[in-house]
Amino acid sequence: QVQLVESGGGLVQAGDSLRLSCAASGRTFSGYLMGWFRQAPGKEREFVAAMSWSGTMTEYADFEKGRFTISRDNAKNILYLQMNNLKPEDTAVYYCAADGEFDSSHYYRPAYWGQGTQVTVSS
């Protein structure tokens, strides 16, 4: 059974940084995409970032504007999301995602999801 467990969320102030981690287990994710989504209260889940197995392909949502960096440690099956200069509008539950593919509209459709970690940014 595939498990994705996020950690690293918390309550921070505007301008602070956080690094989220996602530990994957249950199977090898060799060759597969992994990424992050988020869902703010009252809003739909939205794409944040994705990365290929090799790291040669990364995709980011436009709203990040260089503040977020996705990375992965394939030897440990861990995915990271470094978030800098956080803003109150970044407040959301952040979800790790794995496998799946980009569809014909170039939107990432994962096969597996984590349970999420809460990030709250105060002004």
PDB file of N, CA and C in Angstrom:
ATOM      1  N   GLN A   1       0.839  -1.183   0.000  1.00  0.00           N
ATOM      2  CA  GLN A   1       0.000   0.000   0.000  1.00  0.00           C
ATOM      3  C   GLN A   1       0.880   1.241   0.000  1.00  0.00           C
ATOM      4  N   VAL A   2       0.556   2.168  -0.879  1.00  0.00           N
ATOM      5  CA  VAL A   2       1.335   3.404  -0.986  1.00  0.00           C
ATOM      6  C   VAL A   2       0.969   4.347   0.144  1.00  0.00           C
ATOM      7  N   GLN A   3       1.998   4.920   0.738  1.00  0.00           N
ATOM      8  CA  GLN A   3       1.786   5.930   1.775  1.00  0.00           C
ATOM      9  C   GLN A   3       2.625   7.156   1.484  1.00  0.00           C
ATOM     10  N   LEU A   4       2.018   8.317   1.581  1.00  0.00           N
ATOM     11  CA  LEU A   4       2.711   9.590   1.470  1.00  0.00           C
ATOM     12  C   LEU A   4       2.413  10.354   2.747  1.00  0.00           C
ATOM     13  N   VAL A   5       3.453  10.685   3.482  1.00  0.00           N
ATOM     14  CA  VAL A   5       3.268  11.348   4.772  1.00  0.00           C
ATOM     15  C   VAL A   5       3.989  12.688   4.749  1.00  0.00           C
ATOM     16  N   GLU A   6       3.201  13.753   4.855  1.00  0.00           N
ATOM     17  CA  GLU A   6       3.765  15.099   4.845  1.00  0.00           C
ATOM     18  C   GLU A   6       4.130  15.534   6.265  1.00  0.00           C
ATOM     19  N   SER A   7       5.105  16.420   6.349  1.00  0.00           N
ATOM     20  CA  SER A   7       5.483  17.030   7.619  1.00  0.00           C
ATOM     21  C   SER A   7       6.098  18.388   7.339  1.00  0.00           C
ATOM     22  N   GLY A   8       6.247  19.175   8.400  1.00  0.00           N
ATOM     23  CA  GLY A   8       6.920  20.461   8.266  1.00  0.00           C
ATOM     24  C   GLY A   8       6.002  21.667   8.266  1.00  0.00           C
ATOM     25  N   GLY A   9       4.693  21.435   8.274  1.00  0.00           N
ATOM     26  CA  GLY A   9       3.775  22.561   8.315  1.00  0.00           C
ATOM     27  C   GLY A   9       3.778  23.221   9.686  1.00  0.00           C
ATOM     28  N   GLY A  10       3.086  24.357   9.776  1.00  0.00           N
ATOM     29  CA  GLY A  10       3.005  25.037  11.054  1.00  0.00           C
ATOM     30  C   GLY A  10       2.493  26.448  10.905  1.00  0.00           C
ATOM     31  N   LEU A  11       2.590  27.190  11.988  1.00  0.00           N
ATOM     32  CA  LEU A  11       2.162  28.583  12.026  1.00  0.00           C
ATOM     33  C   LEU A  11       3.390  29.481  11.963  1.00  0.00           C
ATOM     34  N   VAL A  12       3.437  30.342  10.961  1.00  0.00           N
ATOM     35  CA  VAL A  12       4.563  31.254  10.794  1.00  0.00           C
ATOM     36  C   VAL A  12       4.036  32.655  10.504  1.00  0.00           C
ATOM     37  N   GLN A  13       4.946  33.611  10.524  1.00  0.00           N
ATOM     38  CA  GLN A  13       4.573  34.981  10.196  1.00  0.00           C
ATOM     39  C   GLN A  13       4.905  35.291   8.738  1.00  0.00           C
ATOM     40  N   ALA A  14       4.250  36.278   8.200  1.00  0.00           N
ATOM     41  CA  ALA A  14       4.526  36.705   6.831  1.00  0.00           C
ATOM     42  C   ALA A  14       6.013  37.024   6.679  1.00  0.00           C
ATOM     43  N   GLY A  15       6.601  36.553   5.594  1.00  0.00           N
ATOM     44  CA  GLY A  15       8.019  36.750   5.347  1.00  0.00           C
ATOM     45  C   GLY A  15       8.898  35.602   5.799  1.00  0.00           C
ATOM     46  N   ASP A  16       8.351  34.709   6.625  1.00  0.00           N
ATOM     47  CA  ASP A  16       9.115  33.553   7.105  1.00  0.00           C
ATOM     48  C   ASP A  16       9.230  32.480   6.031  1.00  0.00           C
ATOM     49  N   SER A  17      10.001  31.449   6.356  1.00  0.00           N
ATOM     50  CA  SER A  17      10.194  30.305   5.465  1.00  0.00           C
ATOM     51  C   SER A  17       9.786  29.019   6.158  1.00  0.00           C
ATOM     52  N   LEU A  18       9.410  28.050   5.364  1.00  0.00           N
ATOM     53  CA  LEU A  18       9.116  26.697   5.839  1.00  0.00           C
ATOM     54  C   LEU A  18       9.609  25.711   4.798  1.00  0.00           C
ATOM     55  N   ARG A  19       9.988  24.532   5.264  1.00  0.00           N
ATOM     56  CA  ARG A  19      10.298  23.452   4.334  1.00  0.00           C
ATOM     57  C   ARG A  19       9.398  22.264   4.647  1.00  0.00           C
ATOM     58  N   LEU A  20       8.591  21.906   3.691  1.00  0.00           N
ATOM     59  CA  LEU A  20       7.740  20.736   3.823  1.00  0.00           C
ATOM     60  C   LEU A  20       8.468  19.502   3.313  1.00  0.00           C
ATOM     61  N   SER A  21       8.178  18.369   3.940  1.00  0.00           N
ATOM     62  CA  SER A  21       8.739  17.097   3.515  1.00  0.00           C
ATOM     63  C   SER A  21       7.610  16.108   3.269  1.00  0.00           C
ATOM     64  N   CYS A  22       7.861  15.181   2.378  1.00  0.00           N
ATOM     65  CA  CYS A  22       6.908  14.112   2.093  1.00  0.00           C
ATOM     66  C   CYS A  22       7.687  12.816   1.989  1.00  0.00           C
ATOM     67  N   ALA A  23       7.424  11.914   2.915  1.00  0.00           N
ATOM     68  CA  ALA A  23       8.079  10.614   2.913  1.00  0.00           C
ATOM     69  C   ALA A  23       7.176   9.611   2.213  1.00  0.00           C
ATOM     70  N   ALA A  24       7.709   8.970   1.190  1.00  0.00           N
ATOM     71  CA  ALA A  24       6.938   7.997   0.419  1.00  0.00           C
ATOM     72  C   ALA A  24       7.362   6.583   0.782  1.00  0.00           C
ATOM     73  N   SER A  25       6.407   5.696   0.911  1.00  0.00           N
ATOM     74  CA  SER A  25       6.713   4.309   1.232  1.00  0.00           C
ATOM     75  C   SER A  25       5.683   3.392   0.584  1.00  0.00           C
ATOM     76  N   GLY A  26       5.984   2.130   0.606  1.00  0.00           N
ATOM     77  CA  GLY A  26       5.049   1.139   0.089  1.00  0.00           C
ATOM     78  C   GLY A  26       5.388   0.636  -1.294  1.00  0.00           C
ATOM     79  N   ARG A  27       6.186   1.392  -2.017  1.00  0.00           N
ATOM     80  CA  ARG A  27       6.634   0.975  -3.343  1.00  0.00           C
ATOM     81  C   ARG A  27       7.731   1.909  -3.766  1.00  0.00           C
ATOM     82  N   THR A  28       8.438   1.546  -4.763  1.00  0.00           N
ATOM     83  CA  THR A  28       9.437   2.450  -5.287  1.00  0.00           C
ATOM     84  C   THR A  28       8.798   3.423  -6.267  1.00  0.00           C
ATOM     85  N   PHE A  29       9.230   4.665  -6.205  1.00  0.00           N
ATOM     86  CA  PHE A  29       8.708   5.680  -7.111  1.00  0.00           C
ATOM     87  C   PHE A  29       9.721   6.019  -8.190  1.00  0.00           C
ATOM     88  N   SER A  30      10.551   5.045  -8.446  1.00  0.00           N
ATOM     89  CA  SER A  30      11.563   5.239  -9.478  1.00  0.00           C
ATOM     90  C   SER A  30      10.916   5.585 -10.806  1.00  0.00           C
ATOM     91  N   GLY A  31      11.352   6.696 -11.394  1.00  0.00           N
ATOM     92  CA  GLY A  31      10.864   7.097 -12.703  1.00  0.00           C
ATOM     93  C   GLY A  31       9.588   7.903 -12.684  1.00  0.00           C
ATOM     94  N   TYR A  32       9.015   8.146 -11.539  1.00  0.00           N
ATOM     95  CA  TYR A  32       7.696   8.770 -11.477  1.00  0.00           C
ATOM     96  C   TYR A  32       7.741  10.226 -11.029  1.00  0.00           C
ATOM     97  N   LEU A  33       6.730  10.944 -11.473  1.00  0.00           N
ATOM     98  CA  LEU A  33       6.522  12.312 -11.029  1.00  0.00           C
ATOM     99  C   LEU A  33       6.147  12.360  -9.557  1.00  0.00           C
ATOM    100  N   MET A  34       6.504  13.456  -8.910  1.00  0.00           N
ATOM    101  CA  MET A  34       5.986  13.756  -7.585  1.00  0.00           C
ATOM    102  C   MET A  34       5.732  15.254  -7.530  1.00  0.00           C
ATOM    103  N   GLY A  35       4.820  15.663  -6.659  1.00  0.00           N
ATOM    104  CA  GLY A  35       4.506  17.080  -6.627  1.00  0.00           C
ATOM    105  C   GLY A  35       3.758  17.498  -5.380  1.00  0.00           C
ATOM    106  N   TRP A  36       3.393  18.776  -5.379  1.00  0.00           N
ATOM    107  CA  TRP A  36       2.665  19.377  -4.262  1.00  0.00           C
ATOM    108  C   TRP A  36       1.433  20.107  -4.783  1.00  0.00           C
ATOM    109  N   PHE A  37       0.359  20.009  -4.018  1.00  0.00           N
ATOM    110  CA  PHE A  37      -0.859  20.779  -4.232  1.00  0.00           C
ATOM    111  C   PHE A  37      -1.210  21.466  -2.912  1.00  0.00           C
ATOM    112  N   ARG A  38      -2.145  22.387  -2.976  1.00  0.00           N
ATOM    113  CA  ARG A  38      -2.618  23.003  -1.734  1.00  0.00           C
ATOM    114  C   ARG A  38      -4.099  23.337  -1.859  1.00  0.00           C
ATOM    115  N   GLN A  39      -4.737  23.416  -0.706  1.00  0.00           N
ATOM    116  CA  GLN A  39      -6.145  23.769  -0.668  1.00  0.00           C
ATOM    117  C   GLN A  39      -6.401  24.738   0.475  1.00  0.00           C
ATOM    118  N   ALA A  40      -6.794  25.938   0.113  1.00  0.00           N
ATOM    119  CA  ALA A  40      -7.131  26.959   1.106  1.00  0.00           C
ATOM    120  C   ALA A  40      -8.594  26.814   1.494  1.00  0.00           C
ATOM    121  N   PRO A  41      -8.967  27.331   2.662  1.00  0.00           N
ATOM    122  CA  PRO A  41     -10.361  27.225   3.109  1.00  0.00           C
ATOM    123  C   PRO A  41     -11.319  27.819   2.084  1.00  0.00           C
ATOM    124  N   GLY A  42     -12.336  27.048   1.730  1.00  0.00           N
ATOM    125  CA  GLY A  42     -13.340  27.532   0.803  1.00  0.00           C
ATOM    126  C   GLY A  42     -12.924  27.547  -0.651  1.00  0.00           C
ATOM    127  N   LYS A  43     -11.731  27.033  -0.945  1.00  0.00           N
ATOM    128  CA  LYS A  43     -11.247  27.038  -2.328  1.00  0.00           C
ATOM    129  C   LYS A  43     -10.958  25.618  -2.798  1.00  0.00           C
ATOM    130  N   GLU A  44     -10.833  25.478  -4.111  1.00  0.00           N
ATOM    131  CA  GLU A  44     -10.497  24.175  -4.667  1.00  0.00           C
ATOM    132  C   GLU A  44      -9.006  23.901  -4.505  1.00  0.00           C
ATOM    133  N   ARG A  45      -8.691  22.613  -4.526  1.00  0.00           N
ATOM    134  CA  ARG A  45      -7.286  22.239  -4.472  1.00  0.00           C
ATOM    135  C   ARG A  45      -6.591  22.744  -5.723  1.00  0.00           C
ATOM    136  N   GLU A  46      -5.368  23.296  -5.555  1.00  0.00           N
ATOM    137  CA  GLU A  46      -4.643  23.828  -6.698  1.00  0.00           C
ATOM    138  C   GLU A  46      -3.214  23.296  -6.749  1.00  0.00           C
ATOM    139  N   PHE A  47      -2.708  23.240  -7.943  1.00  0.00           N
ATOM    140  CA  PHE A  47      -1.353  22.769  -8.189  1.00  0.00           C
ATOM    141  C   PHE A  47      -0.337  23.772  -7.649  1.00  0.00           C
ATOM    142  N   VAL A  48       0.734  23.245  -7.054  1.00  0.00           N
ATOM    143  CA  VAL A  48       1.814  24.086  -6.560  1.00  0.00           C
ATOM    144  C   VAL A  48       3.095  23.847  -7.361  1.00  0.00           C
ATOM    145  N   ALA A  49       3.538  22.600  -7.410  1.00  0.00           N
ATOM    146  CA  ALA A  49       4.787  22.291  -8.102  1.00  0.00           C
ATOM    147  C   ALA A  49       4.887  20.796  -8.357  1.00  0.00           C
ATOM    148  N   ALA A  50       5.686  20.419  -9.344  1.00  0.00           N
ATOM    149  CA  ALA A  50       5.931  19.006  -9.630  1.00  0.00           C
ATOM    150  C   ALA A  50       7.347  18.846 -10.157  1.00  0.00           C
ATOM    151  N   MET A  51       7.860  17.644  -9.997  1.00  0.00           N
ATOM    152  CA  MET A  51       9.227  17.372 -10.430  1.00  0.00           C
ATOM    153  C   MET A  51       9.307  15.960 -10.978  1.00  0.00           C
ATOM    154  N   SER A  52      10.080  15.775 -12.022  1.00  0.00           N
ATOM    155  CA  SER A  52      10.300  14.448 -12.576  1.00  0.00           C
ATOM    156  C   SER A  52      11.288  13.678 -11.705  1.00  0.00           C
ATOM    157  N   TRP A  53      11.378  12.387 -11.959  1.00  0.00           N
ATOM    158  CA  TRP A  53      12.293  11.529 -11.192  1.00  0.00           C
ATOM    159  C   TRP A  53      13.731  12.046 -11.269  1.00  0.00           C
ATOM    160  N   SER A  54      14.151  12.402 -12.464  1.00  0.00           N
ATOM    161  CA  SER A  54      15.543  12.824 -12.654  1.00  0.00           C
ATOM    162  C   SER A  54      15.801  14.237 -12.155  1.00  0.00           C
ATOM    163  N   GLY A  55      14.736  14.986 -11.976  1.00  0.00           N
ATOM    164  CA  GLY A  55      14.896  16.373 -11.569  1.00  0.00           C
ATOM    165  C   GLY A  55      15.104  17.327 -12.720  1.00  0.00           C
ATOM    166  N   THR A  56      15.140  16.795 -13.937  1.00  0.00           N
ATOM    167  CA  THR A  56      15.383  17.666 -15.090  1.00  0.00           C
ATOM    168  C   THR A  56      14.144  18.455 -15.477  1.00  0.00           C
ATOM    169  N   MET A  57      12.981  18.002 -15.033  1.00  0.00           N
ATOM    170  CA  MET A  57      11.737  18.720 -15.312  1.00  0.00           C
ATOM    171  C   MET A  57      11.117  19.182 -14.011  1.00  0.00           C
ATOM    172  N   THR A  58      10.892  20.484 -13.898  1.00  0.00           N
ATOM    173  CA  THR A  58      10.149  21.026 -12.770  1.00  0.00           C
ATOM    174  C   THR A  58       9.085  21.965 -13.322  1.00  0.00           C
ATOM    175  N   GLU A  59       7.953  21.967 -12.658  1.00  0.00           N
ATOM    176  CA  GLU A  59       6.845  22.847 -13.026  1.00  0.00           C
ATOM    177  C   GLU A  59       6.363  23.558 -11.770  1.00  0.00           C
ATOM    178  N   TYR A  60       6.055  24.827 -11.902  1.00  0.00           N
ATOM    179  CA  TYR A  60       5.577  25.607 -10.778  1.00  0.00           C
ATOM    180  C   TYR A  60       4.318  26.369 -11.173  1.00  0.00           C
ATOM    181  N   ALA A  61       3.477  26.586 -10.176  1.00  0.00           N
ATOM    182  CA  ALA A  61       2.318  27.449 -10.402  1.00  0.00           C
ATOM    183  C   ALA A  61       2.775  28.890 -10.518  1.00  0.00           C
ATOM    184  N   ASP A  62       2.033  29.672 -11.257  1.00  0.00           N
ATOM    185  CA  ASP A  62       2.412  31.065 -11.494  1.00  0.00           C
ATOM    186  C   ASP A  62       2.446  31.893 -10.211  1.00  0.00           C
ATOM    187  N   PHE A  63       1.608  31.543  -9.244  1.00  0.00           N
ATOM    188  CA  PHE A  63       1.502  32.390  -8.063  1.00  0.00           C
ATOM    189  C   PHE A  63       2.784  32.388  -7.228  1.00  0.00           C
ATOM    190  N   GLU A  64       3.645  31.393  -7.431  1.00  0.00           N
ATOM    191  CA  GLU A  64       4.822  31.277  -6.570  1.00  0.00           C
ATOM    192  C   GLU A  64       5.868  32.348  -6.848  1.00  0.00           C
ATOM    193  N   LYS A  65       6.000  32.702  -8.104  1.00  0.00           N
ATOM    194  CA  LYS A  65       6.906  33.783  -8.522  1.00  0.00           C
ATOM    195  C   LYS A  65       8.291  33.639  -7.905  1.00  0.00           C
ATOM    196  N   GLY A  66       8.841  32.436  -7.936  1.00  0.00           N
ATOM    197  CA  GLY A  66      10.201  32.208  -7.475  1.00  0.00           C
ATOM    198  C   GLY A  66      10.358  32.023  -5.983  1.00  0.00           C
ATOM    199  N   ARG A  67       9.266  32.015  -5.234  1.00  0.00           N
ATOM    200  CA  ARG A  67       9.377  31.876  -3.781  1.00  0.00           C
ATOM    201  C   ARG A  67       9.502  30.424  -3.340  1.00  0.00           C
ATOM    202  N   PHE A  68       8.997  29.483  -4.136  1.00  0.00           N
ATOM    203  CA  PHE A  68       8.983  28.069  -3.753  1.00  0.00           C
ATOM    204  C   PHE A  68       9.982  27.277  -4.594  1.00  0.00           C
ATOM    205  N   THR A  69      10.578  26.250  -3.973  1.00  0.00           N
ATOM    206  CA  THR A  69      11.482  25.361  -4.688  1.00  0.00           C
ATOM    207  C   THR A  69      11.158  23.924  -4.333  1.00  0.00           C
ATOM    208  N   ILE A  70      10.926  23.109  -5.339  1.00  0.00           N
ATOM    209  CA  ILE A  70      10.671  21.690  -5.128  1.00  0.00           C
ATOM    210  C   ILE A  70      11.962  20.918  -5.342  1.00  0.00           C
ATOM    211  N   SER A  71      12.159  19.886  -4.539  1.00  0.00           N
ATOM    212  CA  SER A  71      13.337  19.033  -4.703  1.00  0.00           C
ATOM    213  C   SER A  71      13.001  17.641  -4.182  1.00  0.00           C
ATOM    214  N   ARG A  72      13.849  16.686  -4.485  1.00  0.00           N
ATOM    215  CA  ARG A  72      13.598  15.332  -4.017  1.00  0.00           C
ATOM    216  C   ARG A  72      14.900  14.600  -3.766  1.00  0.00           C
ATOM    217  N   ASP A  73      14.847  13.679  -2.818  1.00  0.00           N
ATOM    218  CA  ASP A  73      15.958  12.791  -2.508  1.00  0.00           C
ATOM    219  C   ASP A  73      15.477  11.388  -2.856  1.00  0.00           C
ATOM    220  N   ASN A  74      15.844  10.919  -4.038  1.00  0.00           N
ATOM    221  CA  ASN A  74      15.330   9.631  -4.509  1.00  0.00           C
ATOM    222  C   ASN A  74      15.849   8.454  -3.696  1.00  0.00           C
ATOM    223  N   ALA A  75      17.030   8.579  -3.152  1.00  0.00           N
ATOM    224  CA  ALA A  75      17.585   7.485  -2.346  1.00  0.00           C
ATOM    225  C   ALA A  75      16.764   7.264  -1.089  1.00  0.00           C
ATOM    226  N   LYS A  76      16.175   8.352  -0.590  1.00  0.00           N
ATOM    227  CA  LYS A  76      15.379   8.260   0.637  1.00  0.00           C
ATOM    228  C   LYS A  76      13.876   8.288   0.362  1.00  0.00           C
ATOM    229  N   ASN A  77      13.492   8.446  -0.896  1.00  0.00           N
ATOM    230  CA  ASN A  77      12.065   8.560  -1.254  1.00  0.00           C
ATOM    231  C   ASN A  77      11.404   9.721  -0.520  1.00  0.00           C
ATOM    232  N   ILE A  78      12.046  10.870  -0.517  1.00  0.00           N
ATOM    233  CA  ILE A  78      11.503  12.054   0.150  1.00  0.00           C
ATOM    234  C   ILE A  78      11.410  13.193  -0.841  1.00  0.00           C
ATOM    235  N   LEU A  79      10.293  13.869  -0.805  1.00  0.00           N
ATOM    236  CA  LEU A  79      10.050  15.052  -1.625  1.00  0.00           C
ATOM    237  C   LEU A  79      10.003  16.264  -0.704  1.00  0.00           C
ATOM    238  N   TYR A  80      10.554  17.375  -1.168  1.00  0.00           N
ATOM    239  CA  TYR A  80      10.591  18.587  -0.355  1.00  0.00           C
ATOM    240  C   TYR A  80       9.909  19.750  -1.089  1.00  0.00           C
ATOM    241  N   LEU A  81       9.467  20.719  -0.296  1.00  0.00           N
ATOM    242  CA  LEU A  81       9.016  21.988  -0.849  1.00  0.00           C
ATOM    243  C   LEU A  81       9.534  23.086   0.071  1.00  0.00           C
ATOM    244  N   GLN A  82      10.512  23.834  -0.418  1.00  0.00           N
ATOM    245  CA  GLN A  82      11.040  24.971   0.319  1.00  0.00           C
ATOM    246  C   GLN A  82      10.207  26.187  -0.030  1.00  0.00           C
ATOM    247  N   MET A  83       9.641  26.828   0.968  1.00  0.00           N
ATOM    248  CA  MET A  83       8.778  27.989   0.748  1.00  0.00           C
ATOM    249  C   MET A  83       9.371  29.193   1.472  1.00  0.00           C
ATOM    250  N   ASN A  84       9.707  30.203   0.718  1.00  0.00           N
ATOM    251  CA  ASN A  84      10.300  31.421   1.267  1.00  0.00           C
ATOM    252  C   ASN A  84       9.356  32.601   1.110  1.00  0.00           C
ATOM    253  N   ASN A  85       9.598  33.628   1.926  1.00  0.00           N
ATOM    254  CA  ASN A  85       8.792  34.849   1.864  1.00  0.00           C
ATOM    255  C   ASN A  85       7.297  34.512   1.844  1.00  0.00           C
ATOM    256  N   LEU A  86       6.885  33.744   2.817  1.00  0.00           N
ATOM    257  CA  LEU A  86       5.498  33.303   2.866  1.00  0.00           C
ATOM    258  C   LEU A  86       4.547  34.471   3.082  1.00  0.00           C
ATOM    259  N   LYS A  87       3.358  34.351   2.500  1.00  0.00           N
ATOM    260  CA  LYS A  87       2.337  35.384   2.581  1.00  0.00           C
ATOM    261  C   LYS A  87       1.070  34.803   3.202  1.00  0.00           C
ATOM    262  N   PRO A  88       0.234  35.627   3.780  1.00  0.00           N
ATOM    263  CA  PRO A  88      -1.015  35.103   4.367  1.00  0.00           C
ATOM    264  C   PRO A  88      -1.844  34.311   3.360  1.00  0.00           C
ATOM    265  N   GLU A  89      -1.783  34.670   2.098  1.00  0.00           N
ATOM    266  CA  GLU A  89      -2.557  33.937   1.083  1.00  0.00           C
ATOM    267  C   GLU A  89      -1.974  32.558   0.776  1.00  0.00           C
ATOM    268  N   ASP A  90      -0.817  32.244   1.340  1.00  0.00           N
ATOM    269  CA  ASP A  90      -0.261  30.892   1.213  1.00  0.00           C
ATOM    270  C   ASP A  90      -0.862  29.940   2.243  1.00  0.00           C
ATOM    271  N   THR A  91      -1.675  30.457   3.148  1.00  0.00           N
ATOM    272  CA  THR A  91      -2.312  29.620   4.152  1.00  0.00           C
ATOM    273  C   THR A  91      -3.189  28.575   3.479  1.00  0.00           C
ATOM    274  N   ALA A  92      -2.923  27.299   3.779  1.00  0.00           N
ATOM    275  CA  ALA A  92      -3.638  26.202   3.136  1.00  0.00           C
ATOM    276  C   ALA A  92      -3.159  24.887   3.725  1.00  0.00           C
ATOM    277  N   VAL A  93      -3.875  23.832   3.392  1.00  0.00           N
ATOM    278  CA  VAL A  93      -3.370  22.484   3.629  1.00  0.00           C
ATOM    279  C   VAL A  93      -2.578  22.088   2.387  1.00  0.00           C
ATOM    280  N   TYR A  94      -1.347  21.658   2.606  1.00  0.00           N
ATOM    281  CA  TYR A  94      -0.461  21.287   1.512  1.00  0.00           C
ATOM    282  C   TYR A  94      -0.408  19.760   1.409  1.00  0.00           C
ATOM    283  N   TYR A  95      -0.635  19.277   0.193  1.00  0.00           N
ATOM    284  CA  TYR A  95      -0.704  17.849  -0.066  1.00  0.00           C
ATOM    285  C   TYR A  95       0.450  17.400  -0.951  1.00  0.00           C
ATOM    286  N   CYS A  96       1.028  16.288  -0.587  1.00  0.00           N
ATOM    287  CA  CYS A  96       2.019  15.617  -1.424  1.00  0.00           C
ATOM    288  C   CYS A  96       1.294  14.716  -2.412  1.00  0.00           C
ATOM    289  N   ALA A  97       1.828  14.591  -3.605  1.00  0.00           N
ATOM    290  CA  ALA A  97       1.219  13.758  -4.635  1.00  0.00           C
ATOM    291  C   ALA A  97       2.305  12.986  -5.374  1.00  0.00           C
ATOM    292  N   ALA A  98       1.939  11.815  -5.886  1.00  0.00           N
ATOM    293  CA  ALA A  98       2.942  10.981  -6.556  1.00  0.00           C
ATOM    294  C   ALA A  98       2.347  10.206  -7.717  1.00  0.00           C
ATOM    295  N   ASP A  99       3.219   9.869  -8.634  1.00  0.00           N
ATOM    296  CA  ASP A  99       2.868   9.091  -9.814  1.00  0.00           C
ATOM    297  C   ASP A  99       1.890   9.888 -10.669  1.00  0.00           C
ATOM    298  N   GLY A 100       1.150   9.242 -11.525  1.00  0.00           N
ATOM    299  CA  GLY A 100       0.234   9.961 -12.404  1.00  0.00           C
ATOM    300  C   GLY A 100       0.984  10.614 -13.554  1.00  0.00           C
ATOM    301  N   GLU A 101       0.359  11.613 -14.159  1.00  0.00           N
ATOM    302  CA  GLU A 101       0.948  12.241 -15.339  1.00  0.00           C
ATOM    303  C   GLU A 101       0.322  13.607 -15.582  1.00  0.00           C
ATOM    304  N   PHE A 102       0.923  14.344 -16.490  1.00  0.00           N
ATOM    305  CA  PHE A 102       0.332  15.593 -16.958  1.00  0.00           C
ATOM    306  C   PHE A 102      -0.669  15.252 -18.064  1.00  0.00           C
ATOM    307  N   ASP A 103      -1.867  15.829 -17.976  1.00  0.00           N
ATOM    308  CA  ASP A 103      -2.882  15.508 -18.979  1.00  0.00           C
ATOM    309  C   ASP A 103      -2.702  16.378 -20.231  1.00  0.00           C
ATOM    310  N   SER A 104      -3.677  16.291 -21.145  1.00  0.00           N
ATOM    311  CA  SER A 104      -3.566  16.998 -22.420  1.00  0.00           C
ATOM    312  C   SER A 104      -3.565  18.510 -22.237  1.00  0.00           C
ATOM    313  N   SER A 105      -4.065  18.986 -21.116  1.00  0.00           N
ATOM    314  CA  SER A 105      -4.040  20.415 -20.811  1.00  0.00           C
ATOM    315  C   SER A 105      -2.812  20.782 -19.988  1.00  0.00           C
ATOM    316  N   HIS A 106      -1.910  19.832 -19.872  1.00  0.00           N
ATOM    317  CA  HIS A 106      -0.667  20.001 -19.097  1.00  0.00           C
ATOM    318  C   HIS A 106      -0.972  20.288 -17.635  1.00  0.00           C
ATOM    319  N   TYR A 107      -1.995  19.608 -17.117  1.00  0.00           N
ATOM    320  CA  TYR A 107      -2.299  19.703 -15.693  1.00  0.00           C
ATOM    321  C   TYR A 107      -1.900  18.374 -15.062  1.00  0.00           C
ATOM    322  N   TYR A 108      -1.214  18.436 -13.915  1.00  0.00           N
ATOM    323  CA  TYR A 108      -0.724  17.239 -13.248  1.00  0.00           C
ATOM    324  C   TYR A 108      -1.867  16.496 -12.570  1.00  0.00           C
ATOM    325  N   ARG A 109      -2.016  15.226 -12.935  1.00  0.00           N
ATOM    326  CA  ARG A 109      -3.065  14.357 -12.371  1.00  0.00           C
ATOM    327  C   ARG A 109      -2.373  13.229 -11.616  1.00  0.00           C
ATOM    328  N   PRO A 110      -2.178  13.374 -10.305  1.00  0.00           N
ATOM    329  CA  PRO A 110      -1.485  12.340  -9.539  1.00  0.00           C
ATOM    330  C   PRO A 110      -2.333  11.088  -9.351  1.00  0.00           C
ATOM    331  N   ALA A 111      -1.635  10.002  -9.036  1.00  0.00           N
ATOM    332  CA  ALA A 111      -2.327   8.750  -8.721  1.00  0.00           C
ATOM    333  C   ALA A 111      -2.473   8.562  -7.215  1.00  0.00           C
ATOM    334  N   TYR A 112      -1.577   9.171  -6.453  1.00  0.00           N
ATOM    335  CA  TYR A 112      -1.586   8.999  -5.002  1.00  0.00           C
ATOM    336  C   TYR A 112      -1.493  10.358  -4.308  1.00  0.00           C
ATOM    337  N   TRP A 113      -2.130  10.393  -3.126  1.00  0.00           N
ATOM    338  CA  TRP A 113      -2.172  11.628  -2.335  1.00  0.00           C
ATOM    339  C   TRP A 113      -1.803  11.353  -0.887  1.00  0.00           C
ATOM    340  N   GLY A 114      -1.160  12.333  -0.262  1.00  0.00           N
ATOM    341  CA  GLY A 114      -0.957  12.276   1.171  1.00  0.00           C
ATOM    342  C   GLY A 114      -2.153  12.877   1.889  1.00  0.00           C
ATOM    343  N   GLN A 115      -2.064  12.906   3.211  1.00  0.00           N
ATOM    344  CA  GLN A 115      -3.167  13.416   4.029  1.00  0.00           C
ATOM    345  C   GLN A 115      -3.110  14.930   4.213  1.00  0.00           C
ATOM    346  N   GLY A 116      -1.977  15.507   3.943  1.00  0.00           N
ATOM    347  CA  GLY A 116      -1.856  16.954   4.019  1.00  0.00           C
ATOM    348  C   GLY A 116      -1.227  17.450   5.302  1.00  0.00           C
ATOM    349  N   THR A 117      -0.612  18.631   5.215  1.00  0.00           N
ATOM    350  CA  THR A 117      -0.054  19.300   6.379  1.00  0.00           C
ATOM    351  C   THR A 117      -0.477  20.768   6.329  1.00  0.00           C
ATOM    352  N   GLN A 118      -0.889  21.291   7.473  1.00  0.00           N
ATOM    353  CA  GLN A 118      -1.425  22.648   7.520  1.00  0.00           C
ATOM    354  C   GLN A 118      -0.303  23.680   7.586  1.00  0.00           C
ATOM    355  N   VAL A 119      -0.408  24.682   6.741  1.00  0.00           N
ATOM    356  CA  VAL A 119       0.489  25.832   6.779  1.00  0.00           C
ATOM    357  C   VAL A 119      -0.376  27.062   7.011  1.00  0.00           C
ATOM    358  N   THR A 120      -0.068  27.790   8.066  1.00  0.00           N
ATOM    359  CA  THR A 120      -0.799  29.003   8.388  1.00  0.00           C
ATOM    360  C   THR A 120       0.180  30.165   8.481  1.00  0.00           C
ATOM    361  N   VAL A 121      -0.090  31.213   7.717  1.00  0.00           N
ATOM    362  CA  VAL A 121       0.798  32.372   7.681  1.00  0.00           C
ATOM    363  C   VAL A 121       0.024  33.570   8.224  1.00  0.00           C
ATOM    364  N   SER A 122       0.506  34.113   9.307  1.00  0.00           N
ATOM    365  CA  SER A 122      -0.150  35.271   9.910  1.00  0.00           C
ATOM    366  C   SER A 122       0.468  36.559   9.380  1.00  0.00           C
ATOM    367  N   SER A 123      -0.333  37.601   9.336  1.00  0.00           N
ATOM    368  CA  SER A 123       0.142  38.886   8.800  1.00  0.00           C
ATOM    369  C   SER A 123       0.746  39.757   9.888  1.00  0.00           C
TER     370      SER A 123
END
